[in-house]
PDB file of all heavy atoms in Angstrom:
ATOM      1  N   PRO A   1       0.836  -1.215  -0.014  1.00  0.00           N
ATOM      2  CA  PRO A   1      -0.013   0.006  -0.014  1.00  0.00           C
ATOM      3  C   PRO A   1       0.815   1.274   0.010  1.00  0.00           C
ATOM      4  O   PRO A   1       0.502   2.244  -0.677  1.00  0.00           O
ATOM      5  CB  PRO A   1      -0.848  -0.112   1.310  1.00  0.00           C
ATOM      6  CG  PRO A   1      -0.824  -1.475   1.647  1.00  0.00           C
ATOM      7  CD  PRO A   1       0.479  -2.084   1.149  1.00  0.00           C
ATOM      8  N   ALA A   2       1.939   1.249   0.660  1.00  0.00           N
ATOM      9  CA  ALA A   2       2.833   2.396   0.706  1.00  0.00           C
ATOM     10  C   ALA A   2       3.310   2.753  -0.750  1.00  0.00           C
ATOM     11  O   ALA A   2       3.274   3.989  -1.081  1.00  0.00           O
ATOM     12  CB  ALA A   2       3.995   2.186   1.687  1.00  0.00           C
ATOM     13  N   THR A   3       3.760   1.739  -1.409  1.00  0.00           N
ATOM     14  CA  THR A   3       4.176   1.968  -2.821  1.00  0.00           C
ATOM     15  C   THR A   3       3.063   2.415  -3.712  1.00  0.00           C
ATOM     16  O   THR A   3       3.169   3.341  -4.518  1.00  0.00           O
ATOM     17  CB  THR A   3       4.829   0.743  -3.308  1.00  0.00           C
ATOM     18  OG1 THR A   3       5.925   0.331  -2.474  1.00  0.00           O
ATOM     19  CG2 THR A   3       5.391   0.967  -4.671  1.00  0.00           C
ATOM     20  N   THR A   4       1.935   1.777  -3.476  1.00  0.00           N
ATOM     21  CA  THR A   4       0.772   2.148  -4.320  1.00  0.00           C
ATOM     22  C   THR A   4       0.288   3.481  -4.231  1.00  0.00           C
ATOM     23  O   THR A   4      -0.031   4.147  -5.138  1.00  0.00           O
ATOM     24  CB  THR A   4      -0.367   1.101  -4.001  1.00  0.00           C
ATOM     25  OG1 THR A   4       0.151  -0.261  -4.118  1.00  0.00           O
ATOM     26  CG2 THR A   4      -1.573   1.323  -4.884  1.00  0.00           C
ATOM     27  N   VAL A   5       0.387   4.006  -3.010  1.00  0.00           N
ATOM     28  CA  VAL A   5      -0.088   5.381  -2.809  1.00  0.00           C
ATOM     29  C   VAL A   5       0.999   6.467  -3.154  1.00  0.00           C
ATOM     30  O   VAL A   5       0.779   7.414  -3.809  1.00  0.00           O
ATOM     31  CB  VAL A   5      -0.493   5.532  -1.347  1.00  0.00           C
ATOM     32  CG1 VAL A   5      -0.763   7.015  -0.977  1.00  0.00           C
ATOM     33  CG2 VAL A   5      -1.759   4.799  -1.015  1.00  0.00           C
ATOM     34  N   MET A   6       2.162   6.153  -2.731  1.00  0.00           N
ATOM     35  CA  MET A   6       3.267   7.226  -2.889  1.00  0.00           C
ATOM     36  C   MET A   6       3.754   7.444  -4.340  1.00  0.00           C
ATOM     37  O   MET A   6       4.008   8.499  -4.734  1.00  0.00           O
ATOM     38  CB  MET A   6       4.523   6.743  -2.039  1.00  0.00           C
ATOM     39  CG  MET A   6       5.522   7.753  -1.882  1.00  0.00           C
ATOM     40  SD  MET A   6       4.862   9.133  -0.926  1.00  0.00           S
ATOM     41  CE  MET A   6       6.307  10.023  -0.598  1.00  0.00           C
ATOM     42  N   GLU A   7       3.864   6.333  -5.120  1.00  0.00           N
ATOM     43  CA  GLU A   7       4.401   6.459  -6.494  1.00  0.00           C
ATOM     44  C   GLU A   7       3.642   7.496  -7.342  1.00  0.00           C
ATOM     45  O   GLU A   7       4.193   8.286  -7.969  1.00  0.00           O
ATOM     46  CB  GLU A   7       4.482   5.078  -7.126  1.00  0.00           C
ATOM     47  CG  GLU A   7       5.244   5.125  -8.460  1.00  0.00           C
ATOM     48  CD  GLU A   7       4.374   5.436  -9.695  1.00  0.00           C
ATOM     49  OE1 GLU A   7       3.188   5.003  -9.683  1.00  0.00           O
ATOM     50  OE2 GLU A   7       4.854   6.059 -10.599  1.00  0.00           O
ATOM     51  N   PRO A   8       2.298   7.332  -7.469  1.00  0.00           N
ATOM     52  CA  PRO A   8       1.608   8.301  -8.343  1.00  0.00           C
ATOM     53  C   PRO A   8       1.611   9.704  -7.674  1.00  0.00           C
ATOM     54  O   PRO A   8       1.553  10.650  -8.416  1.00  0.00           O
ATOM     55  CB  PRO A   8       0.203   7.759  -8.378  1.00  0.00           C
ATOM     56  CG  PRO A   8       0.003   6.697  -7.367  1.00  0.00           C
ATOM     57  CD  PRO A   8       1.335   6.271  -6.998  1.00  0.00           C
ATOM     58  N   MET A   9       1.647   9.792  -6.402  1.00  0.00           N
ATOM     59  CA  MET A   9       1.692  11.079  -5.723  1.00  0.00           C
ATOM     60  C   MET A   9       3.040  11.913  -6.151  1.00  0.00           C
ATOM     61  O   MET A   9       2.969  12.957  -6.465  1.00  0.00           O
ATOM     62  CB  MET A   9       1.558  11.064  -4.248  1.00  0.00           C
ATOM     63  CG  MET A   9       0.224  10.627  -3.747  1.00  0.00           C
ATOM     64  SD  MET A   9       0.004  10.333  -1.993  1.00  0.00           S
ATOM     65  CE  MET A   9       0.483  11.909  -1.310  1.00  0.00           C
ATOM     66  N   VAL A  10       4.145  11.143  -6.057  1.00  0.00           N
ATOM     67  CA  VAL A  10       5.392  11.738  -6.367  1.00  0.00           C
ATOM     68  C   VAL A  10       5.491  12.049  -7.867  1.00  0.00           C
ATOM     69  O   VAL A  10       5.940  13.163  -8.268  1.00  0.00           O
ATOM     70  CB  VAL A  10       6.602  10.802  -5.954  1.00  0.00           C
ATOM     71  CG1 VAL A  10       7.894  11.268  -6.490  1.00  0.00           C
ATOM     72  CG2 VAL A  10       6.662  10.687  -4.431  1.00  0.00           C
ATOM     73  N   ALA A  11       5.028  11.056  -8.723  1.00  0.00           N
ATOM     74  CA  ALA A  11       5.006  11.299 -10.075  1.00  0.00           C
ATOM     75  C   ALA A  11       4.153  12.538 -10.503  1.00  0.00           C
ATOM     76  O   ALA A  11       4.575  13.372 -11.326  1.00  0.00           O
ATOM     77  CB  ALA A  11       4.591  10.106 -10.873  1.00  0.00           C
ATOM     78  N   SER A  12       3.027  12.715  -9.898  1.00  0.00           N
ATOM     79  CA  SER A  12       2.118  13.905 -10.109  1.00  0.00           C
ATOM     80  C   SER A  12       2.781  15.152  -9.728  1.00  0.00           C
ATOM     81  O   SER A  12       2.751  16.129 -10.420  1.00  0.00           O
ATOM     82  CB  SER A  12       0.792  13.685  -9.473  1.00  0.00           C
ATOM     83  OG  SER A  12       0.162  12.509  -9.968  1.00  0.00           O
ATOM     84  N   LEU A  13       3.308  15.152  -8.566  1.00  0.00           N
ATOM     85  CA  LEU A  13       3.978  16.282  -7.991  1.00  0.00           C
ATOM     86  C   LEU A  13       5.179  16.780  -8.851  1.00  0.00           C
ATOM     87  O   LEU A  13       5.296  17.911  -9.294  1.00  0.00           O
ATOM     88  CB  LEU A  13       4.522  16.085  -6.598  1.00  0.00           C
ATOM     89  CG  LEU A  13       5.145  17.272  -5.893  1.00  0.00           C
ATOM     90  CD1 LEU A  13       4.245  18.484  -5.728  1.00  0.00           C
ATOM     91  CD2 LEU A  13       5.682  16.857  -4.618  1.00  0.00           C
ATOM     92  N   LEU A  14       5.969  15.780  -9.236  1.00  0.00           N
ATOM     93  CA  LEU A  14       7.188  16.099 -10.186  1.00  0.00           C
ATOM     94  C   LEU A  14       6.648  16.507 -11.528  1.00  0.00           C
ATOM     95  O   LEU A  14       7.284  17.432 -12.173  1.00  0.00           O
ATOM     96  CB  LEU A  14       8.140  14.905 -10.294  1.00  0.00           C
ATOM     97  CG  LEU A  14       8.886  14.560  -8.987  1.00  0.00           C
ATOM     98  CD1 LEU A  14       9.683  13.334  -9.210  1.00  0.00           C
ATOM     99  CD2 LEU A  14       9.765  15.728  -8.606  1.00  0.00           C
ATOM    100  N   GLY A  15       5.584  15.906 -12.061  1.00  0.00           N
ATOM    101  CA  GLY A  15       5.054  16.337 -13.280  1.00  0.00           C
ATOM    102  C   GLY A  15       4.585  17.772 -13.340  1.00  0.00           C
ATOM    103  O   GLY A  15       4.877  18.519 -14.228  1.00  0.00           O
ATOM    104  N   PHE A  16       3.998  18.119 -12.178  1.00  0.00           N
ATOM    105  CA  PHE A  16       3.516  19.530 -12.054  1.00  0.00           C
ATOM    106  C   PHE A  16       4.671  20.478 -11.828  1.00  0.00           C
ATOM    107  O   PHE A  16       4.759  21.553 -12.526  1.00  0.00           O
ATOM    108  CB  PHE A  16       2.537  19.669 -10.763  1.00  0.00           C
ATOM    109  CG  PHE A  16       2.060  20.985 -10.585  1.00  0.00           C
ATOM    110  CD1 PHE A  16       1.084  21.575 -11.398  1.00  0.00           C
ATOM    111  CD2 PHE A  16       2.484  21.681  -9.485  1.00  0.00           C
ATOM    112  CE1 PHE A  16       0.596  22.776 -11.149  1.00  0.00           C
ATOM    113  CE2 PHE A  16       1.922  22.988  -9.216  1.00  0.00           C
ATOM    114  CZ  PHE A  16       1.064  23.515 -10.050  1.00  0.00           C
ATOM    115  N   VAL A  17       5.574  20.158 -10.960  1.00  0.00           N
ATOM    116  CA  VAL A  17       6.700  21.150 -10.576  1.00  0.00           C
ATOM    117  C   VAL A  17       7.802  21.199 -11.681  1.00  0.00           C
ATOM    118  O   VAL A  17       8.251  22.195 -12.074  1.00  0.00           O
ATOM    119  CB  VAL A  17       7.273  20.697  -9.213  1.00  0.00           C
ATOM    120  CG1 VAL A  17       8.512  21.551  -8.905  1.00  0.00           C
ATOM    121  CG2 VAL A  17       6.195  20.909  -8.121  1.00  0.00           C
ATOM    122  N   VAL A  18       8.231  19.970 -12.031  1.00  0.00           N
ATOM    123  CA  VAL A  18       9.395  19.882 -12.932  1.00  0.00           C
ATOM    124  C   VAL A  18       8.983  19.997 -14.453  1.00  0.00           C
ATOM    125  O   VAL A  18       9.658  20.697 -15.168  1.00  0.00           O
ATOM    126  CB  VAL A  18      10.165  18.528 -12.734  1.00  0.00           C
ATOM    127  CG1 VAL A  18      11.351  18.444 -13.743  1.00  0.00           C
ATOM    128  CG2 VAL A  18      10.717  18.479 -11.279  1.00  0.00           C
ATOM    129  N   LEU A  19       7.972  19.298 -14.815  1.00  0.00           N
ATOM    130  CA  LEU A  19       7.524  19.273 -16.206  1.00  0.00           C
ATOM    131  C   LEU A  19       6.521  20.431 -16.591  1.00  0.00           C
ATOM    132  O   LEU A  19       6.240  20.510 -17.803  1.00  0.00           O
ATOM    133  CB  LEU A  19       7.044  17.829 -16.586  1.00  0.00           C
ATOM    134  CG  LEU A  19       7.983  16.733 -16.320  1.00  0.00           C
ATOM    135  CD1 LEU A  19       7.325  15.409 -16.761  1.00  0.00           C
ATOM    136  CD2 LEU A  19       9.269  16.983 -17.210  1.00  0.00           C
ATOM    137  N   GLY A  20       5.968  21.019 -15.624  1.00  0.00           N
ATOM    138  CA  GLY A  20       4.949  22.070 -15.960  1.00  0.00           C
ATOM    139  C   GLY A  20       3.671  21.545 -16.424  1.00  0.00           C
ATOM    140  O   GLY A  20       2.848  22.228 -17.082  1.00  0.00           O
ATOM    141  N   GLU A  21       3.306  20.262 -16.091  1.00  0.00           N
ATOM    142  CA  GLU A  21       2.004  19.695 -16.570  1.00  0.00           C
ATOM    143  C   GLU A  21       0.936  20.135 -15.447  1.00  0.00           C
ATOM    144  O   GLU A  21       1.254  20.352 -14.287  1.00  0.00           O
ATOM    145  CB  GLU A  21       2.110  18.168 -16.579  1.00  0.00           C
ATOM    146  CG  GLU A  21       3.111  17.662 -17.652  1.00  0.00           C
ATOM    147  CD  GLU A  21       3.254  16.202 -17.705  1.00  0.00           C
ATOM    148  OE1 GLU A  21       2.859  15.514 -16.750  1.00  0.00           O
ATOM    149  OE2 GLU A  21       3.845  15.687 -18.684  1.00  0.00           O
ATOM    150  N   TYR A  22      -0.216  20.146 -15.946  1.00  0.00           N
ATOM    151  CA  TYR A  22      -1.295  20.456 -15.000  1.00  0.00           C
ATOM    152  C   TYR A  22      -2.630  19.840 -15.645  1.00  0.00           C
ATOM    153  O   TYR A  22      -2.701  19.430 -16.746  1.00  0.00           O
ATOM    154  CB  TYR A  22      -1.435  22.008 -14.902  1.00  0.00           C
ATOM    155  CG  TYR A  22      -1.629  22.734 -16.124  1.00  0.00           C
ATOM    156  CD1 TYR A  22      -2.907  23.057 -16.729  1.00  0.00           C
ATOM    157  CD2 TYR A  22      -0.483  23.147 -16.884  1.00  0.00           C
ATOM    158  CE1 TYR A  22      -2.947  23.716 -17.946  1.00  0.00           C
ATOM    159  CE2 TYR A  22      -0.623  23.864 -18.063  1.00  0.00           C
ATOM    160  CZ  TYR A  22      -1.859  24.095 -18.580  1.00  0.00           C
ATOM    161  OH  TYR A  22      -2.046  24.767 -19.837  1.00  0.00           O
ATOM    162  N   LEU A  23      -3.650  19.800 -14.768  1.00  0.00           N
ATOM    163  CA  LEU A  23      -4.881  19.192 -15.008  1.00  0.00           C
ATOM    164  C   LEU A  23      -5.930  20.280 -14.976  1.00  0.00           C
ATOM    165  O   LEU A  23      -6.115  20.956 -13.941  1.00  0.00           O
ATOM    166  CB  LEU A  23      -5.205  18.076 -14.110  1.00  0.00           C
ATOM    167  CG  LEU A  23      -6.541  17.428 -14.179  1.00  0.00           C
ATOM    168  CD1 LEU A  23      -6.545  16.574 -15.544  1.00  0.00           C
ATOM    169  CD2 LEU A  23      -6.759  16.416 -13.037  1.00  0.00           C
ATOM    170  N   HIS A  24      -6.628  20.451 -16.084  1.00  0.00           N
ATOM    171  CA  HIS A  24      -7.775  21.321 -16.103  1.00  0.00           C
ATOM    172  C   HIS A  24      -8.978  20.583 -15.517  1.00  0.00           C
ATOM    173  O   HIS A  24      -9.417  19.619 -16.118  1.00  0.00           O
ATOM    174  CB  HIS A  24      -8.108  21.802 -17.558  1.00  0.00           C
ATOM    175  CG  HIS A  24      -7.123  22.764 -18.093  1.00  0.00           C
ATOM    176  ND1 HIS A  24      -6.999  24.069 -17.644  1.00  0.00           N
ATOM    177  CD2 HIS A  24      -6.290  22.592 -19.102  1.00  0.00           C
ATOM    178  CE1 HIS A  24      -6.055  24.659 -18.347  1.00  0.00           C
ATOM    179  NE2 HIS A  24      -5.625  23.826 -19.158  1.00  0.00           N
ATOM    180  N   ALA A  25      -9.503  21.082 -14.437  1.00  0.00           N
ATOM    181  CA  ALA A  25     -10.582  20.336 -13.786  1.00  0.00           C
ATOM    182  C   ALA A  25     -11.484  21.509 -13.106  1.00  0.00           C
ATOM    183  O   ALA A  25     -10.930  22.442 -12.435  1.00  0.00           O
ATOM    184  CB  ALA A  25     -10.103  19.442 -12.604  1.00  0.00           C
TER     185      ALA A  25
END
């Protein structure tokens, strides 16, 4: 469960901060 929760959270955060990606919602 730790891996399942943390991996997408870190990937999303890095996508937003490093790659400048965002989600229109």
